[in-house]
């Protein structure tokens, strides 16, 4: 009796015929075709495309039809050596149209060696798309209810909510609050275009501080349309003869890096 005859005589289940190779290939295809949990989580994050300009503010406003001017101030807290920024941490207070205290943790999208699994789905996220690429941020915002502006690290730490402290803890960052202080005092002016504008709704922000100033134009987009939105905005600026800045980093990093070697004289006196 050969092996096949013996199997048929002793096996009660269905006789095997041939291996179905389609099933393992279908499984492999599914793995590559459908995004994993991390990619799916990022697709739910709102995206903002951002470009820094070197053109004059008045020229930019007139060229793109900006309206609705508002103003305020922005304050950042860090160490003299930017110990927080170097870990991707931003601690910010805004006063004016928005009165809030924000703790943000910013990561390069897909950055190696960064484990954000403990942050995804637990904290509000957003993605900044610049020329350098995309960066995902997790942020917890709270209302800023006091007229006494924090100066020291202990001042600002005492105002953080439980959720903001949890974000710092879950991000596995190290903060020496004794070394933290208010290092940036920025004058903010913002404009917007009407939603029905031919270019779509845009925002323009002018940041001015003793060591410099910067002008940023931005637009919101879905995750799927972010690349097209960025390219379209860049093309629009060229068509309007508006010059781009050589530095296309996010504006927070630009400001704080200038202050690392040129501290704001009034940072501890305002």
Protein backbone atom coordinates (compact mmCIF):
# COMPACT_ATOMS: atom_id res chain seq x y z
CA UNK A 1 0.00 0.00 0.00
CA UNK A 2 1.47 3.32 -0.97
CA UNK A 3 1.37 6.36 1.32
CA UNK A 4 -1.62 7.99 -0.39
CA UNK A 5 -3.71 4.76 -0.19
CA UNK A 6 -2.79 4.35 3.48
CA UNK A 7 -3.79 7.96 4.21
CA UNK A 8 -7.18 7.53 2.49
CA UNK A 9 -7.84 4.35 4.45
CA UNK A 10 -6.95 5.76 7.87
CA UNK A 11 -7.78 9.50 7.67
CA UNK A 12 -11.38 10.51 8.39
CA UNK A 13 -11.05 14.14 7.36
CA UNK A 14 -11.00 15.56 3.84
CA UNK A 15 -8.22 14.33 1.60
CA UNK A 16 -5.69 17.02 0.87
CA UNK A 17 -5.26 17.88 -2.74
CA UNK A 18 -2.86 20.77 -3.20
CA UNK A 19 -1.55 23.60 -1.08
CA UNK A 20 -3.53 26.82 -1.43
CA UNK A 21 -0.75 29.35 -1.91
CA UNK A 22 -3.25 32.19 -2.31
CA UNK A 23 -3.93 32.45 1.40
CA UNK A 24 -0.41 33.32 2.62
CA UNK A 25 0.04 35.75 -0.29
CA UNK A 26 -3.29 37.40 0.55
CA UNK A 27 -2.16 37.80 4.15
CA UNK A 28 1.15 39.35 3.10
CA UNK A 29 -0.65 41.74 0.74
CA UNK A 30 -3.00 42.81 3.50
CA UNK A 31 -0.08 43.65 5.77
CA UNK A 32 1.47 45.96 3.17
CA UNK A 33 -1.73 47.42 1.74
CA UNK A 34 -3.40 48.47 4.98
CA UNK A 35 -1.67 50.92 7.35
CA UNK A 36 -0.80 49.79 10.84
CA UNK A 37 -2.09 51.40 14.04
CA UNK A 38 0.62 54.11 14.06
CA UNK A 39 -0.13 55.20 10.48
CA UNK A 40 -3.86 55.11 11.11
CA UNK A 41 -3.44 57.28 14.19
CA UNK A 42 -1.40 59.85 12.27
CA UNK A 43 -4.04 60.01 9.54
CA UNK A 44 -6.46 61.32 12.18
CA UNK A 45 -4.13 64.21 13.13
CA UNK A 46 -4.98 67.60 11.58
CA UNK A 47 -2.22 68.91 9.33
CA UNK A 48 -0.97 72.46 8.90
CA UNK A 49 1.42 73.33 6.07
CA UNK A 50 3.78 76.18 6.89
CA UNK A 51 6.19 78.40 4.98
CA UNK A 52 8.41 81.20 6.31
CA UNK A 53 8.66 84.36 4.19
CA UNK A 54 11.33 87.00 3.75
CA UNK A 55 8.98 89.39 1.92
CA UNK A 56 7.73 92.55 3.61
CA UNK A 57 4.64 92.11 5.77
CA UNK A 58 2.63 94.85 4.01
CA UNK A 59 3.43 93.36 0.59
CA UNK A 60 2.35 89.90 1.72
CA UNK A 61 -0.92 91.19 3.20
CA UNK A 62 -1.80 93.09 0.01
CA UNK A 63 -0.79 90.25 -2.33
CA UNK A 64 -2.85 87.55 -0.58
CA UNK A 65 -5.74 89.66 0.70
CA UNK A 66 -5.29 89.12 4.43
CA UNK A 67 -7.88 90.63 6.79
CA UNK A 68 -9.04 90.23 10.42
CA UNK A 69 -5.95 91.49 12.22
CA UNK A 70 -5.53 90.35 15.83
CA UNK A 71 -2.62 90.75 18.23
CA UNK A 72 -1.22 89.23 21.38
CA UNK A 73 1.93 88.00 23.06
CA UNK A 74 3.65 84.62 23.20
CA UNK A 75 5.99 83.51 25.99
CA UNK A 76 8.23 80.43 25.95
CA UNK A 77 9.85 78.69 28.90
CA UNK A 78 13.10 76.73 28.65
CA UNK A 79 16.64 76.58 30.02
CA UNK A 80 19.46 78.79 28.76
CA UNK A 81 20.81 75.81 26.80
CA UNK A 82 17.32 74.93 25.41
CA UNK A 83 17.19 71.70 27.38
CA UNK A 84 13.46 71.33 26.73
CA UNK A 85 13.54 72.13 23.01
CA UNK A 86 16.35 69.62 22.46
CA UNK A 87 14.02 66.94 23.82
CA UNK A 88 11.17 68.14 21.61
CA UNK A 89 9.33 69.83 24.50
CA UNK A 90 7.66 73.24 24.16
CA UNK A 91 6.11 75.09 27.11
CA UNK A 92 4.20 78.18 25.99
CA UNK A 93 1.86 80.84 27.33
CA UNK A 94 -0.25 82.98 24.99
CA UNK A 95 -2.12 86.16 25.85
CA UNK A 96 -4.50 88.08 23.60
CA UNK A 97 -7.10 86.48 21.36
CA UNK A 98 -6.01 83.16 22.90
CA UNK A 99 -5.20 82.93 26.60
CA UNK A 100 -3.72 79.52 27.15
CA UNK A 101 -0.92 77.51 28.66
CA UNK A 102 0.28 74.72 26.36
CA UNK A 103 2.66 71.82 26.81
CA UNK A 104 3.66 70.24 23.51
CA UNK A 105 5.92 67.35 22.58
CA UNK A 106 7.06 67.44 18.96
CA UNK A 107 8.60 64.47 17.15
CA UNK A 108 9.88 64.00 13.58
CA UNK A 109 7.25 61.87 11.81
CA UNK A 110 8.60 58.33 11.65
CA UNK A 111 11.65 59.38 13.66
CA UNK A 112 14.00 56.52 14.52
CA UNK A 113 14.47 55.61 18.13
CA UNK A 114 11.33 57.49 19.20
CA UNK A 115 8.58 55.43 20.81
CA UNK A 116 5.30 57.34 20.73
CA UNK A 117 3.09 54.34 21.33
CA UNK A 118 2.23 55.68 24.79
CA UNK A 119 1.10 59.02 23.31
CA UNK A 120 -0.93 58.00 20.27
CA UNK A 121 -4.64 58.06 20.93
CA UNK A 122 -4.17 59.51 24.43
CA UNK A 123 -3.27 63.10 23.62
CA UNK A 124 -4.46 65.53 20.93
CA UNK A 125 -2.12 65.43 17.94
CA UNK A 126 -1.27 67.67 15.00
CA UNK A 127 1.22 67.55 12.16
CA UNK A 128 3.34 70.47 10.94
CA UNK A 129 4.42 70.09 7.31
CA UNK A 130 7.42 72.24 6.41
CA UNK A 131 10.08 72.01 3.73
CA UNK A 132 12.09 69.82 6.10
CA UNK A 133 9.28 67.28 6.25
CA UNK A 134 6.47 66.44 8.64
CA UNK A 135 6.60 66.61 12.42
CA UNK A 136 3.91 65.19 14.66
CA UNK A 137 3.11 66.93 17.94
CA UNK A 138 1.13 65.90 20.98
CA UNK A 139 -0.20 68.82 22.98
CA UNK A 140 -2.31 69.54 26.03
CA UNK A 141 -3.75 73.05 26.23
CA UNK A 142 -5.29 74.70 29.24
CA UNK A 143 -6.72 78.13 29.93
CA UNK A 144 -4.34 80.68 31.37
CA UNK A 145 -6.39 82.30 34.13
CA UNK A 146 -3.91 84.46 36.02
CA UNK A 147 -2.73 88.02 35.41
CA UNK A 148 0.61 87.21 37.02
CA UNK A 149 2.86 86.03 34.23
CA UNK A 150 5.15 83.15 35.30
CA UNK A 151 8.86 83.91 35.42
CA UNK A 152 10.62 80.88 36.90
CA UNK A 153 10.39 77.18 36.23
CA UNK A 154 8.68 76.61 39.57
CA UNK A 155 6.09 79.26 38.62
CA UNK A 156 5.17 77.56 35.36
CA UNK A 157 5.40 74.05 36.79
CA UNK A 158 2.91 75.01 39.50
CA UNK A 159 0.37 75.98 36.81
CA UNK A 160 0.54 72.73 34.83
CA UNK A 161 -2.51 70.49 34.87
CA UNK A 162 -2.43 66.79 35.70
CA UNK A 163 -2.81 65.98 31.97
CA UNK A 164 0.12 68.21 31.05
CA UNK A 165 2.34 66.55 33.65
CA UNK A 166 1.23 63.15 32.38
CA UNK A 167 2.20 64.11 28.83
CA UNK A 168 5.71 64.99 29.99
CA UNK A 169 5.95 61.78 32.00
CA UNK A 170 4.68 59.58 29.16
CA UNK A 171 7.08 61.25 26.73
CA UNK A 172 9.98 60.10 28.92
CA UNK A 173 11.60 63.53 28.96
CA UNK A 174 13.73 64.92 31.76
CA UNK A 175 12.89 68.41 33.05
CA UNK A 176 14.92 70.24 35.69
CA UNK A 177 12.42 72.94 36.59
CA UNK A 178 15.02 74.75 38.70
CA UNK A 179 16.86 75.58 35.43
CA UNK A 180 13.74 76.59 33.49
CA UNK A 181 12.73 80.23 33.13
CA UNK A 182 10.85 82.50 30.79
CA UNK A 183 13.25 83.03 27.90
CA UNK A 184 11.10 84.50 25.12
CA UNK A 185 8.68 87.44 25.00
CA UNK A 186 7.21 87.71 21.51
CA UNK A 187 4.83 90.23 20.01
CA UNK A 188 2.33 88.37 17.80
CA UNK A 189 0.18 89.83 15.02
CA UNK A 190 -2.08 87.55 13.01
CA UNK A 191 -4.20 87.91 9.87
CA UNK A 192 -6.52 85.59 7.96
CA UNK A 193 -7.97 85.46 4.48
CA UNK A 194 -11.71 84.93 3.98
CA UNK A 195 -12.72 81.28 3.62
CA UNK A 196 -14.13 82.08 0.17
CA UNK A 197 -10.83 83.52 -1.11
CA UNK A 198 -9.56 82.12 -4.39
CA UNK A 199 -6.46 80.77 -2.64
CA UNK A 200 -8.51 79.16 0.13
CA UNK A 201 -8.30 80.13 3.77
CA UNK A 202 -4.76 81.13 4.82
CA UNK A 203 -3.26 82.46 8.04
CA UNK A 204 -0.36 84.88 8.39
CA UNK A 205 1.61 85.36 11.62
CA UNK A 206 4.22 88.00 12.36
CA UNK A 207 6.45 87.28 15.36
CA UNK A 208 8.69 90.08 16.62
CA UNK A 209 11.20 89.89 19.48
CA UNK A 210 14.36 91.84 20.38
CA UNK A 211 16.64 89.43 18.48
CA UNK A 212 14.61 89.35 15.25
CA UNK A 213 11.29 88.73 13.55
CA UNK A 214 9.70 86.17 11.26
CA UNK A 215 6.68 85.94 9.00
CA UNK A 216 4.83 82.67 8.44
CA UNK A 217 1.99 81.78 6.10
CA UNK A 218 0.06 78.58 6.76
CA UNK A 219 -2.95 76.56 5.65
CA UNK A 220 -4.79 73.60 7.10
CA UNK A 221 -5.15 70.34 5.17
CA UNK A 222 -6.22 66.75 5.56
CA UNK A 223 -3.54 64.09 5.98
CA UNK A 224 -4.18 62.79 2.45
CA UNK A 225 -3.98 66.25 0.86
CA UNK A 226 -1.03 67.63 2.84
CA UNK A 227 1.63 67.20 0.15
CA UNK A 228 -0.54 68.72 -2.57
CA UNK A 229 -1.51 71.59 -0.26
CA UNK A 230 2.12 72.34 0.54
CA UNK A 231 3.13 72.33 -3.13
CA UNK A 232 0.15 74.49 -4.05
CA UNK A 233 0.90 77.07 -1.36
CA UNK A 234 4.56 77.24 -2.39
CA UNK A 235 3.50 77.75 -6.01
CA UNK A 236 1.03 80.49 -5.01
CA UNK A 237 3.74 82.42 -3.18
CA UNK A 238 6.00 82.23 -6.23
CA UNK A 239 3.20 83.47 -8.49
CA UNK A 240 2.70 86.44 -6.16
CA UNK A 241 6.47 87.16 -6.20
CA UNK A 242 6.71 86.59 -2.45
CA UNK A 243 10.16 85.47 -1.34
CA UNK A 244 10.69 82.45 0.88
CA UNK A 245 13.09 82.54 3.81
CA UNK A 246 16.21 80.41 3.52
CA UNK A 247 15.35 78.91 6.92
CA UNK A 248 12.19 76.80 6.72
CA UNK A 249 12.22 75.36 10.25
CA UNK A 250 9.12 75.67 12.46
CA UNK A 251 8.94 79.18 13.92
CA UNK A 252 9.22 78.09 17.57
CA UNK A 253 12.61 76.50 16.87
CA UNK A 254 13.77 79.54 14.89
CA UNK A 255 12.95 81.90 17.76
CA UNK A 256 14.38 79.82 20.57
CA UNK A 257 17.60 79.07 18.70
CA UNK A 258 18.25 82.79 18.21
CA UNK A 259 17.73 83.30 21.94
CA UNK A 260 20.18 80.56 22.92
CA UNK A 261 23.04 82.97 22.18
CA UNK A 262 21.07 86.24 22.36
CA UNK A 263 18.87 86.05 25.48
CA UNK A 264 15.89 88.38 25.64
CA UNK A 265 16.89 91.27 27.95
CA UNK A 266 13.37 91.58 29.36
CA UNK A 267 12.68 87.86 29.73
CA UNK A 268 12.84 88.02 33.53
CA UNK A 269 11.60 91.56 34.07
CA UNK A 270 8.30 91.86 32.24
